[in-house]
Amino acid sequence: MPHTHAERKAFWQIHFCVLLWGFTAILGKLISLPAQALVVWRMLLVSAFLAVLPRVWRGVRALPPRMIAIYAGIGAVVALHWLTFYGAIKLANASVAVSCLALGSIFAAVLEPLLTHKPHAWSELLLGLMVIPGVVLLVGGVPLHMHTGIVVGVVSAFLTALFAVLNKRYVHGADPESVTFIEMLVGASFLALVSIGYFGLDQTFILPDCRDAGLLLVLALACTLLPFILSLHALRHISAFSTQLALNLEPVYAIVIAALWLKEHRELTPQFYLGVAIVLAAVFVQPLLLKPKRAA
């Protein structure tokens, strides 16, 4: 546990952020819009709120064109990640989608050495193998009609790992709000163009009803912007190790909320939850293995 007042405050701030992020899957299930429209509206709302901050524009003007192009590309990856994440929720349910998302840290352990040209750690590759029985149990513990959702959810986990590795590599030295603004705005524009070409204009910019509009505002403000700002402050006072352990709790929070609120446990078997437990065990062991390397 943290010792100073600032560390304790940051510790509870990051856990509050993770709890708010846990609600994103629940809101995705409750919002009736198709996945592509939901993501376009979410990213547009976040970028619109960031656009009113003068420091965001100062940060954007300070960036060289090459970095703006890189952040724009990362924004497209974020858009595809959210599209597949909410697609998995619509095709299966929130519990299945967040369980697949837990694979993201395992994918990141494989992707980061490839993108940074460093050797793979055997311990991380073994963790990847440890996850396989959990995924097999997870797949066998859901109804057949949810299997497509699992495939889409695994793709979403890969994309979130790619996004995290790219952001980690390129985000240093830039204003975080400005980077987020570029990624959200470009991601929304990219996904809107792809969606118009594939689904048509009427399935991309669906005007939400009052209920969906309220839920979208909660998703954009309470579950995206607020935890983003809080996490920036928290990260100044706690270690990356503590942060990673807290972030790994997101699927746990989301599954518990889905069971209590949406009663999703009725759709799933004990085998599913055993598979999730194995996947989460690997995810929680990973930062414990990485901590000695960071210390070194």
Protein backbone atom coordinates (compact mmCIF):
# COMPACT_ATOMS: atom_id res chain seq x y z
CA MET A 1 0.00 0.00 0.00
CA PRO A 2 1.20 3.60 -0.62
CA HIS A 3 2.61 5.48 2.40
CA THR A 4 2.30 9.24 1.81
CA HIS A 5 -1.00 11.12 1.60
CA ALA A 6 -0.37 11.91 -2.09
CA GLU A 7 0.34 8.24 -2.86
CA ARG A 8 -2.77 7.05 -1.00
CA LYS A 9 -4.91 9.61 -2.80
CA ALA A 10 -3.42 8.57 -6.16
CA PHE A 11 -3.96 4.89 -5.32
CA TRP A 12 -7.70 5.43 -4.73
CA GLN A 13 -7.93 7.73 -7.76
CA ILE A 14 -6.58 5.07 -10.11
CA HIS A 15 -8.94 2.44 -8.68
CA PHE A 16 -11.86 4.83 -9.15
CA CYS A 17 -10.75 5.30 -12.77
CA VAL A 18 -10.64 1.54 -13.32
CA LEU A 19 -14.13 1.20 -11.81
CA LEU A 20 -15.43 3.87 -14.20
CA TRP A 21 -13.76 2.09 -17.14
CA GLY A 22 -15.48 -1.08 -15.99
CA PHE A 23 -18.82 0.63 -16.72
CA THR A 24 -17.93 1.24 -20.40
CA ALA A 25 -18.87 -2.33 -21.31
CA ILE A 26 -22.15 -2.10 -19.37
CA LEU A 27 -23.07 1.17 -21.12
CA GLY A 28 -22.16 -0.41 -24.46
CA LYS A 29 -24.70 -3.13 -23.74
CA LEU A 30 -27.38 -0.66 -22.62
CA ILE A 31 -26.99 1.75 -25.57
CA SER A 32 -29.17 0.51 -28.43
CA LEU A 33 -27.07 2.05 -31.23
CA PRO A 34 -25.05 -0.33 -33.45
CA ALA A 35 -21.35 -0.54 -32.58
CA GLN A 36 -20.11 1.69 -35.42
CA ALA A 37 -22.52 4.54 -34.58
CA LEU A 38 -21.81 4.21 -30.84
CA VAL A 39 -18.05 4.53 -31.32
CA VAL A 40 -18.31 7.45 -33.76
CA TRP A 41 -20.52 9.39 -31.32
CA ARG A 42 -18.28 8.54 -28.34
CA MET A 43 -15.11 9.72 -30.07
CA LEU A 44 -16.77 12.84 -31.47
CA LEU A 45 -18.12 13.81 -28.05
CA VAL A 46 -14.74 13.32 -26.35
CA SER A 47 -12.91 15.31 -29.04
CA ALA A 48 -15.56 18.08 -28.87
CA PHE A 49 -15.10 18.46 -25.10
CA LEU A 50 -11.31 18.51 -25.46
CA ALA A 51 -11.54 21.06 -28.29
CA VAL A 52 -12.75 23.76 -25.87
CA LEU A 53 -9.49 23.59 -23.87
CA PRO A 54 -6.96 26.23 -25.09
CA ARG A 55 -3.99 24.13 -23.91
CA VAL A 56 -5.07 21.35 -26.29
CA TRP A 57 -4.66 23.63 -29.32
CA ARG A 58 -1.34 24.97 -28.00
CA GLY A 59 -0.12 21.39 -27.67
CA VAL A 60 -1.27 20.47 -31.18
CA ARG A 61 0.48 23.51 -32.70
CA ALA A 62 3.71 22.54 -30.92
CA LEU A 63 3.77 19.08 -32.51
CA PRO A 64 5.79 18.40 -35.70
CA PRO A 65 3.75 17.08 -38.67
CA ARG A 66 5.38 13.65 -38.39
CA MET A 67 4.13 13.18 -34.82
CA ILE A 68 0.64 14.40 -35.73
CA ALA A 69 0.57 11.76 -38.48
CA ILE A 70 1.69 9.06 -36.02
CA TYR A 71 -0.98 10.01 -33.47
CA ALA A 72 -3.55 10.09 -36.27
CA GLY A 73 -2.60 6.51 -37.19
CA ILE A 74 -2.89 5.45 -33.55
CA GLY A 75 -6.31 7.10 -33.47
CA ALA A 76 -7.44 4.80 -36.30
CA VAL A 77 -6.25 1.80 -34.25
CA VAL A 78 -8.22 3.07 -31.22
CA ALA A 79 -11.35 3.43 -33.38
CA LEU A 80 -11.01 -0.15 -34.64
CA HIS A 81 -10.39 -1.38 -31.08
CA TRP A 82 -13.56 0.25 -29.78
CA LEU A 83 -15.51 -0.93 -32.83
CA THR A 84 -14.54 -4.55 -32.19
CA PHE A 85 -14.99 -4.18 -28.41
CA TYR A 86 -18.55 -2.91 -28.71
CA GLY A 87 -19.12 -5.33 -31.57
CA ALA A 88 -18.19 -8.18 -29.20
CA ILE A 89 -20.65 -6.82 -26.63
CA LYS A 90 -23.46 -6.71 -29.21
CA LEU A 91 -22.59 -10.19 -30.57
CA ALA A 92 -22.16 -11.79 -27.13
CA ASN A 93 -22.40 -9.78 -23.90
CA ALA A 94 -20.38 -7.46 -21.68
CA SER A 95 -18.84 -10.26 -19.58
CA VAL A 96 -17.53 -12.08 -22.67
CA ALA A 97 -16.12 -8.87 -24.22
CA VAL A 98 -14.19 -7.77 -21.12
CA SER A 99 -12.93 -11.31 -20.52
CA CYS A 100 -11.42 -11.32 -24.01
CA LEU A 101 -10.02 -7.83 -23.39
CA ALA A 102 -7.99 -9.25 -20.48
CA LEU A 103 -5.84 -10.94 -23.14
CA GLY A 104 -4.55 -7.50 -24.14
CA SER A 105 -1.63 -7.51 -21.70
CA ILE A 106 -0.55 -10.94 -22.99
CA PHE A 107 -0.66 -9.67 -26.57
CA ALA A 108 1.32 -6.59 -25.49
CA ALA A 109 4.05 -8.80 -24.01
CA VAL A 110 4.46 -10.39 -27.46
CA LEU A 111 4.00 -7.22 -29.54
CA GLU A 112 6.27 -4.83 -27.64
CA PRO A 113 9.55 -6.72 -28.28
CA LEU A 114 8.60 -7.06 -31.97
CA LEU A 115 8.01 -3.31 -32.36
CA THR A 116 11.01 -2.28 -30.25
CA HIS A 117 13.35 -4.95 -31.71
CA LYS A 118 14.11 -6.46 -28.30
CA PRO A 119 14.27 -10.19 -27.47
CA HIS A 120 11.18 -11.83 -26.02
CA ALA A 121 11.21 -12.88 -22.37
CA TRP A 122 10.54 -16.59 -21.92
CA SER A 123 8.44 -15.90 -18.83
CA GLU A 124 6.05 -13.73 -20.86
CA LEU A 125 5.76 -16.33 -23.63
CA LEU A 126 5.01 -19.00 -21.01
CA LEU A 127 2.27 -16.77 -19.61
CA GLY A 128 0.82 -16.64 -23.11
CA LEU A 129 0.73 -20.44 -23.18
CA MET A 130 -0.84 -20.49 -19.71
CA VAL A 131 -3.76 -18.46 -21.03
CA ILE A 132 -4.70 -21.02 -23.72
CA PRO A 133 -6.56 -23.47 -21.38
CA GLY A 134 -8.44 -20.51 -19.93
CA VAL A 135 -9.54 -19.38 -23.38
CA VAL A 136 -10.62 -22.94 -24.26
CA LEU A 137 -12.74 -23.12 -21.08
CA LEU A 138 -14.11 -19.64 -21.73
CA VAL A 139 -15.23 -20.58 -25.26
CA GLY A 140 -16.79 -23.82 -24.05
CA GLY A 141 -18.65 -22.01 -21.27
CA VAL A 142 -20.75 -19.74 -23.49
CA PRO A 143 -23.67 -20.53 -25.84
CA LEU A 144 -22.76 -21.29 -29.46
CA HIS A 145 -24.29 -18.06 -30.77
CA MET A 146 -21.74 -16.04 -28.71
CA HIS A 147 -18.66 -17.61 -30.32
CA THR A 148 -18.49 -14.93 -33.02
CA GLY A 149 -18.43 -12.36 -30.22
CA ILE A 150 -15.43 -14.14 -28.68
CA VAL A 151 -13.49 -13.98 -31.98
CA VAL A 152 -14.27 -10.26 -32.33
CA GLY A 153 -13.33 -9.76 -28.66
CA VAL A 154 -9.92 -11.38 -29.17
CA VAL A 155 -9.31 -9.07 -32.17
CA SER A 156 -10.24 -6.15 -29.89
CA ALA A 157 -7.70 -7.35 -27.29
CA PHE A 158 -4.98 -7.48 -29.97
CA LEU A 159 -5.85 -3.95 -31.12
CA THR A 160 -5.82 -2.54 -27.57
CA ALA A 161 -2.36 -4.08 -27.07
CA LEU A 162 -1.16 -2.54 -30.34
CA PHE A 163 -2.59 0.84 -29.32
CA ALA A 164 -0.95 0.64 -25.87
CA VAL A 165 2.47 -0.31 -27.26
CA LEU A 166 2.37 2.44 -29.91
CA ASN A 167 1.22 5.07 -27.43
CA LYS A 168 3.92 4.03 -24.97
CA ARG A 169 6.53 4.39 -27.70
CA TYR A 170 5.43 7.77 -29.07
CA VAL A 171 3.52 9.63 -26.35
CA HIS A 172 6.55 10.90 -24.40
CA GLY A 173 7.21 14.62 -24.63
CA ALA A 174 3.74 15.51 -25.94
CA ASP A 175 0.79 17.00 -24.08
CA PRO A 176 -1.50 14.02 -23.22
CA GLU A 177 -4.73 15.97 -23.78
CA SER A 178 -3.52 17.13 -27.21
CA VAL A 179 -2.54 13.58 -28.18
CA THR A 180 -5.93 12.29 -27.04
CA PHE A 181 -7.71 15.03 -29.00
CA ILE A 182 -5.88 14.08 -32.21
CA GLU A 183 -6.50 10.37 -31.69
CA MET A 184 -10.21 10.84 -30.88
CA LEU A 185 -10.91 13.28 -33.74
CA VAL A 186 -9.01 11.31 -36.38
CA GLY A 187 -10.38 8.00 -35.07
CA ALA A 188 -13.95 9.29 -35.31
CA SER A 189 -13.35 10.66 -38.83
CA PHE A 190 -11.66 7.45 -40.01
CA LEU A 191 -14.37 5.19 -38.62
CA ALA A 192 -17.14 7.44 -39.95
CA LEU A 193 -15.70 7.26 -43.50
CA VAL A 194 -15.27 3.47 -43.31
CA SER A 195 -18.73 3.05 -41.81
CA ILE A 196 -20.38 5.26 -44.46
CA GLY A 197 -18.70 3.20 -47.17
CA TYR A 198 -19.73 -0.12 -45.62
CA PHE A 199 -22.99 0.53 -43.75
CA GLY A 200 -24.18 3.76 -45.35
CA LEU A 201 -24.72 7.26 -43.97
CA ASP A 202 -27.99 6.37 -42.22
CA GLN A 203 -26.29 3.61 -40.15
CA THR A 204 -23.29 5.79 -39.21
CA PHE A 205 -24.84 9.01 -37.94
CA ILE A 206 -27.93 7.63 -36.27
CA LEU A 207 -29.45 10.31 -34.07
CA PRO A 208 -29.74 8.74 -30.60
CA ASP A 209 -33.01 9.00 -28.71
CA CYS A 210 -33.10 10.77 -25.32
CA ARG A 211 -32.15 7.61 -23.41
CA ASP A 212 -29.19 6.75 -25.65
CA ALA A 213 -28.06 10.39 -25.75
CA GLY A 214 -27.92 10.48 -21.95
CA LEU A 215 -26.00 7.21 -21.81
CA LEU A 216 -23.57 8.44 -24.50
CA LEU A 217 -22.88 11.59 -22.45
CA VAL A 218 -22.19 9.43 -19.38
CA LEU A 219 -19.90 7.22 -21.49
CA ALA A 220 -17.99 10.18 -22.95
CA LEU A 221 -17.76 12.32 -19.80
CA ALA A 222 -17.88 10.01 -16.77
CA CYS A 223 -16.21 6.94 -18.30
CA THR A 224 -13.73 8.54 -20.72
CA LEU A 225 -12.76 12.14 -19.94
CA LEU A 226 -13.04 12.07 -16.13
CA PRO A 227 -10.94 8.91 -15.59
CA PHE A 228 -8.46 10.12 -18.21
CA ILE A 229 -7.83 13.37 -16.30
CA LEU A 230 -7.79 11.64 -12.90
CA SER A 231 -5.37 8.96 -14.11
CA LEU A 232 -2.96 11.62 -15.40
CA HIS A 233 -2.78 13.11 -11.90
CA ALA A 234 -2.55 9.69 -10.21
CA LEU A 235 0.30 8.48 -12.41
CA ARG A 236 2.52 11.26 -11.04
CA HIS A 237 2.49 9.68 -7.59
CA ILE A 238 2.27 5.87 -7.98
CA SER A 239 4.47 3.36 -9.75
CA ALA A 240 3.77 1.78 -13.12
CA PHE A 241 3.61 -1.59 -11.31
CA SER A 242 0.78 -0.43 -9.01
CA THR A 243 -1.00 1.09 -11.99
CA GLN A 244 -0.80 -2.14 -13.99
CA LEU A 245 -2.17 -4.21 -11.10
CA ALA A 246 -5.07 -1.76 -10.75
CA LEU A 247 -5.80 -1.78 -14.50
CA ASN A 248 -5.94 -5.58 -14.46
CA LEU A 249 -8.96 -5.29 -12.16
CA GLU A 250 -11.07 -3.70 -14.91
CA PRO A 251 -12.43 -7.06 -16.24
CA VAL A 252 -13.19 -8.13 -12.65
CA TYR A 253 -15.19 -4.98 -11.97
CA ALA A 254 -17.00 -5.21 -15.31
CA ILE A 255 -17.95 -8.90 -14.86
CA VAL A 256 -19.26 -8.26 -11.34
CA ILE A 257 -21.28 -5.23 -12.49
CA ALA A 258 -22.63 -7.20 -15.48
CA ALA A 259 -23.72 -10.05 -13.19
CA LEU A 260 -25.40 -7.75 -10.65
CA TRP A 261 -26.92 -5.23 -13.07
CA LEU A 262 -27.54 -7.13 -16.33
CA LYS A 263 -27.89 -10.61 -14.76
CA GLU A 264 -25.45 -11.99 -17.35
CA HIS A 265 -24.44 -14.88 -15.08
CA ARG A 266 -27.68 -16.55 -16.16
CA GLU A 267 -26.35 -16.81 -19.74
CA LEU A 268 -22.96 -18.23 -18.72
CA THR A 269 -21.77 -21.46 -17.12
CA PRO A 270 -19.30 -22.11 -14.26
CA GLN A 271 -16.88 -23.32 -16.96
CA PHE A 272 -16.82 -19.78 -18.41
CA TYR A 273 -15.93 -18.27 -15.04
CA LEU A 274 -13.20 -20.89 -14.48
CA GLY A 275 -11.70 -19.93 -17.86
CA VAL A 276 -11.86 -16.25 -16.91
CA ALA A 277 -10.13 -17.02 -13.59
CA ILE A 278 -7.23 -18.72 -15.42
CA VAL A 279 -6.88 -15.80 -17.86
CA LEU A 280 -6.95 -13.25 -15.04
CA ALA A 281 -4.43 -15.29 -13.02
CA ALA A 282 -1.96 -15.01 -15.91
CA VAL A 283 -2.70 -11.30 -16.26
CA PHE A 284 -2.03 -10.66 -12.55
CA VAL A 285 1.14 -12.78 -12.52
CA GLN A 286 2.59 -10.84 -15.47
CA PRO A 287 3.44 -7.58 -13.61
CA LEU A 288 4.87 -9.63 -10.73
CA LEU A 289 7.33 -11.20 -13.18
CA LEU A 290 8.12 -7.85 -14.77
CA LYS A 291 8.76 -6.03 -11.48
CA PRO A 292 12.28 -7.45 -10.93
CA LYS A 293 13.23 -6.37 -14.47
CA ARG A 294 12.00 -2.83 -13.83
CA ALA A 295 13.91 -2.72 -10.56
CA ALA A 296 17.06 -3.87 -12.33
